Amino acid sequence: MTGPDFSFELDLITQGFPRIAGVDEVGRGPLCGPVTAAAVVLDPARIPAGLNDSKKLTEKKRQALLEELRDCAEISVAHASPAEIDEHNILRASHLAMERAVAGLRQPPHQCLIDGNMIPRGLTIPATTVVKGDARSVSIAAASIAAKIARDAIMRDLAQHFPGYGWETNQGYPSKSHISALQAIGVTPHHRKSFKPVYNILCKA
């Protein structure tokens, strides 16, 4: 199996779009915490070796790649809060985070490569969707790494303030230990109240 490459970016560059941002998000499935997105503009002459879907990399490898990216790429990370997830829905909140990440770049890209099959409706930059993009495009893979590391750090910090839920290891996903803690300790301000396991507990309260 080959990893992601620069072919999507190269195709856009040859069409006259030299500044390409890969965009990806993490954190749709957890019961708590924000959904986090990143936009990354790579330097075609300095692409770190080993970029891949963040889920396929160890934490140590992700951290090493992020350090390389900070030296040779432009990175913007943004979030949508649990309240925004509850207000809109997880898909729209994911897109809000993506829009914010793109807006946070120092200069607007000429084109975005978006992981998935939908372009966020508020995005004002021309964009192309790439299904399973984090395994196919190095720019999207880089964004997946930046977003995951940023969100994991948030969840580790929240775990210090709300012990017992195991967020430092489950990142807020509905693990058995997290569900048990929800039932025993209750719902925190960082939980997504519209998500069924949390909603059900609130209804019983």
Protein backbone atom coordinates (compact mmCIF):
# COMPACT_ATOMS: atom_id res chain seq x y z
CA MET A 1 0.00 0.00 0.00
CA THR A 2 1.35 3.40 -0.93
CA GLY A 3 0.74 6.44 1.23
CA PRO A 4 -0.54 9.87 0.24
CA ASP A 5 1.30 11.82 -2.44
CA PHE A 6 1.46 15.29 -3.98
CA SER A 7 -0.49 14.47 -7.15
CA PHE A 8 -3.69 16.37 -6.24
CA GLU A 9 -1.65 19.43 -5.36
CA LEU A 10 0.50 19.15 -8.47
CA ASP A 11 -2.58 18.96 -10.68
CA LEU A 12 -3.93 22.20 -9.17
CA ILE A 13 -0.54 23.91 -9.41
CA THR A 14 -0.37 23.13 -13.13
CA GLN A 15 -3.85 24.67 -13.47
CA GLY A 16 -2.54 27.94 -12.03
CA PHE A 17 -3.26 27.53 -8.31
CA PRO A 18 0.21 27.61 -6.68
CA ARG A 19 -0.90 27.98 -3.05
CA ILE A 20 -2.82 24.87 -1.93
CA ALA A 21 -4.21 24.25 1.55
CA GLY A 22 -5.01 20.75 2.73
CA VAL A 23 -7.93 20.77 5.20
CA ASP A 24 -9.06 18.04 7.60
CA GLU A 25 -10.90 17.71 10.89
CA VAL A 26 -10.85 15.38 13.87
CA GLY A 27 -13.27 14.77 16.69
CA ARG A 28 -16.64 14.10 15.10
CA GLY A 29 -17.27 10.94 17.11
CA PRO A 30 -16.42 11.92 20.71
CA LEU A 31 -19.10 12.70 23.28
CA CYS A 32 -17.26 15.77 24.52
CA GLY A 33 -14.76 18.43 23.61
CA PRO A 34 -14.51 20.50 20.45
CA VAL A 35 -14.31 19.36 16.88
CA THR A 36 -10.93 20.54 15.57
CA ALA A 37 -9.77 21.33 12.05
CA ALA A 38 -6.45 22.27 10.50
CA ALA A 39 -5.42 23.87 7.24
CA VAL A 40 -1.86 23.26 6.05
CA VAL A 41 0.00 24.83 3.12
CA LEU A 42 3.05 22.75 2.23
CA ASP A 43 6.21 23.96 0.54
CA PRO A 44 6.49 21.70 -2.55
CA ALA A 45 10.29 21.74 -2.17
CA ARG A 46 10.24 20.71 1.50
CA ILE A 47 7.61 18.03 2.08
CA PRO A 48 8.43 15.92 5.17
CA ALA A 49 8.82 12.21 4.47
CA GLY A 50 6.30 9.89 6.09
CA LEU A 51 3.19 12.09 6.02
CA ASN A 52 0.10 9.92 6.34
CA ASP A 53 -3.37 9.72 7.83
CA SER A 54 -2.85 10.60 11.50
CA LYS A 55 -4.74 7.45 12.56
CA LYS A 56 -2.07 5.32 10.88
CA LEU A 57 0.81 6.94 12.78
CA THR A 58 2.05 6.52 16.32
CA GLU A 59 1.87 9.49 18.67
CA LYS A 60 5.67 9.76 18.58
CA LYS A 61 5.69 9.83 14.76
CA ARG A 62 2.89 12.41 14.64
CA GLN A 63 4.80 14.69 17.00
CA ALA A 64 8.00 14.35 15.00
CA LEU A 65 6.20 15.16 11.76
CA LEU A 66 4.49 18.18 13.31
CA GLU A 67 7.86 19.55 14.40
CA GLU A 68 9.08 19.20 10.82
CA LEU A 69 5.92 20.83 9.48
CA ARG A 70 6.32 23.81 11.78
CA ASP A 71 9.68 24.49 10.15
CA CYS A 72 8.59 24.19 6.53
CA ALA A 73 4.81 24.65 6.24
CA GLU A 74 2.07 27.06 7.23
CA ILE A 75 -0.38 25.63 9.76
CA SER A 76 -3.66 26.99 11.06
CA VAL A 77 -5.79 25.17 13.64
CA ALA A 78 -9.34 26.09 14.66
CA HIS A 79 -12.24 24.62 16.62
CA ALA A 80 -15.99 24.51 17.01
CA SER A 81 -17.20 24.20 20.59
CA PRO A 82 -19.55 21.61 22.11
CA ALA A 83 -22.19 24.37 22.32
CA GLU A 84 -21.84 25.00 18.59
CA ILE A 85 -22.06 21.28 17.91
CA ASP A 86 -25.31 21.16 19.88
CA GLU A 87 -26.66 24.31 18.22
CA HIS A 88 -25.96 23.30 14.63
CA ASN A 89 -25.07 19.57 14.36
CA ILE A 90 -21.72 17.83 14.18
CA LEU A 91 -21.38 18.10 10.39
CA ARG A 92 -22.00 21.85 10.30
CA ALA A 93 -19.75 22.38 13.33
CA SER A 94 -16.99 20.40 11.59
CA HIS A 95 -17.36 22.67 8.58
CA LEU A 96 -17.27 25.78 10.79
CA ALA A 97 -13.96 24.58 12.23
CA MET A 98 -12.64 23.99 8.70
CA GLU A 99 -13.74 27.46 7.57
CA ARG A 100 -12.02 29.02 10.59
CA ALA A 101 -8.83 27.07 9.99
CA VAL A 102 -8.63 28.29 6.39
CA ALA A 103 -9.41 31.86 7.48
CA GLY A 104 -6.56 31.65 10.01
CA LEU A 105 -3.86 31.16 7.38
CA ARG A 106 -1.53 34.15 6.93
CA GLN A 107 -2.53 34.46 3.28
CA PRO A 108 -5.60 32.97 1.60
CA PRO A 109 -4.80 29.85 -0.43
CA HIS A 110 -5.68 29.75 -4.11
CA GLN A 111 -7.42 26.41 -3.67
CA CYS A 112 -8.33 24.06 -0.82
CA LEU A 113 -8.24 20.28 -0.77
CA ILE A 114 -11.00 19.21 1.63
CA ASP A 115 -11.10 15.76 3.20
CA GLY A 116 -14.47 14.11 2.56
CA ASN A 117 -17.20 14.67 -0.01
CA MET A 118 -18.64 18.06 1.03
CA ILE A 119 -17.31 21.60 0.71
CA PRO A 120 -18.18 23.76 3.76
CA ARG A 121 -20.86 26.19 2.62
CA GLY A 122 -19.17 29.20 4.23
CA LEU A 123 -15.84 28.63 2.52
CA THR A 124 -15.04 31.52 0.17
CA ILE A 125 -11.96 29.86 -1.35
CA PRO A 126 -12.30 27.52 -4.37
CA ALA A 127 -12.13 23.95 -3.11
CA THR A 128 -11.92 20.34 -4.22
CA THR A 129 -13.12 17.42 -2.10
CA VAL A 130 -11.04 14.26 -1.74
CA VAL A 131 -12.73 11.21 -0.22
CA LYS A 132 -10.33 9.54 2.24
CA GLY A 133 -8.08 12.49 1.51
CA ASP A 134 -5.85 12.00 4.55
CA ALA A 135 -4.65 8.74 2.97
CA ARG A 136 -4.32 10.23 -0.54
CA SER A 137 -3.05 13.82 -0.29
CA VAL A 138 0.03 14.82 1.71
CA SER A 139 -1.46 18.26 2.40
CA ILE A 140 -4.62 16.74 3.89
CA ALA A 141 -2.51 14.17 5.78
CA ALA A 142 -0.49 17.04 7.27
CA ALA A 143 -3.73 18.75 8.31
CA SER A 144 -4.98 15.54 9.94
CA ILE A 145 -1.78 15.35 12.00
CA ALA A 146 -1.94 18.98 13.12
CA ALA A 147 -5.63 18.74 14.03
CA LYS A 148 -5.29 15.50 15.98
CA ILE A 149 -2.32 16.68 18.02
CA ALA A 150 -4.11 19.95 18.85
CA ARG A 151 -7.32 18.24 19.91
CA ASP A 152 -5.55 15.53 21.91
CA ALA A 153 -3.72 18.26 23.85
CA ILE A 154 -7.03 19.96 24.65
CA MET A 155 -8.51 16.71 25.93
CA ARG A 156 -5.47 15.97 28.10
CA ASP A 157 -5.80 19.42 29.63
CA LEU A 158 -9.53 18.98 30.24
CA ALA A 159 -8.82 15.61 31.85
CA GLN A 160 -6.81 17.41 34.55
CA HIS A 161 -9.83 19.55 35.41
CA PHE A 162 -12.41 16.78 35.08
CA PRO A 163 -10.76 13.57 36.35
CA GLY A 164 -12.47 10.23 36.16
CA TYR A 165 -13.64 10.26 32.55
CA GLY A 166 -10.35 9.06 31.07
CA TRP A 167 -10.19 11.82 28.47
CA GLU A 168 -6.38 11.70 28.53
CA THR A 169 -6.58 8.26 26.90
CA ASN A 170 -10.01 8.05 25.22
CA GLN A 171 -9.99 11.67 23.92
CA GLY A 172 -13.69 11.85 24.73
CA TYR A 173 -14.74 8.94 22.52
CA PRO A 174 -17.53 6.73 23.94
CA SER A 175 -15.32 4.07 25.50
CA LYS A 176 -16.82 1.79 28.15
CA SER A 177 -14.95 3.68 30.86
CA HIS A 178 -16.19 7.03 29.60
CA ILE A 179 -19.81 5.83 29.46
CA SER A 180 -19.49 4.39 32.97
CA ALA A 181 -18.07 7.68 34.26
CA LEU A 182 -20.89 9.62 32.59
CA GLN A 183 -23.42 7.45 34.41
CA ALA A 184 -21.59 7.63 37.75
CA ILE A 185 -20.26 11.21 37.79
CA GLY A 186 -22.60 12.96 35.40
CA VAL A 187 -22.44 15.35 32.46
CA THR A 188 -19.83 18.13 32.32
CA PRO A 189 -20.05 21.50 30.52
CA HIS A 190 -17.74 20.02 27.87
CA HIS A 191 -20.09 17.19 26.88
CA ARG A 192 -22.12 17.37 23.68
CA LYS A 193 -25.65 17.37 25.02
CA SER A 194 -27.20 16.53 21.65
CA PHE A 195 -25.29 13.25 21.40
CA LYS A 196 -27.52 10.33 22.32
CA PRO A 197 -25.57 8.79 25.25
CA VAL A 198 -25.29 12.24 26.90
CA TYR A 199 -28.84 13.25 26.02
CA ASN A 200 -30.21 10.03 27.50
CA ILE A 201 -28.43 10.63 30.81
CA LEU A 202 -29.69 14.22 30.96
CA CYS A 203 -33.24 13.02 30.31
CA LYS A 204 -33.00 10.63 33.27
CA ALA A 205 -31.68 13.32 35.61
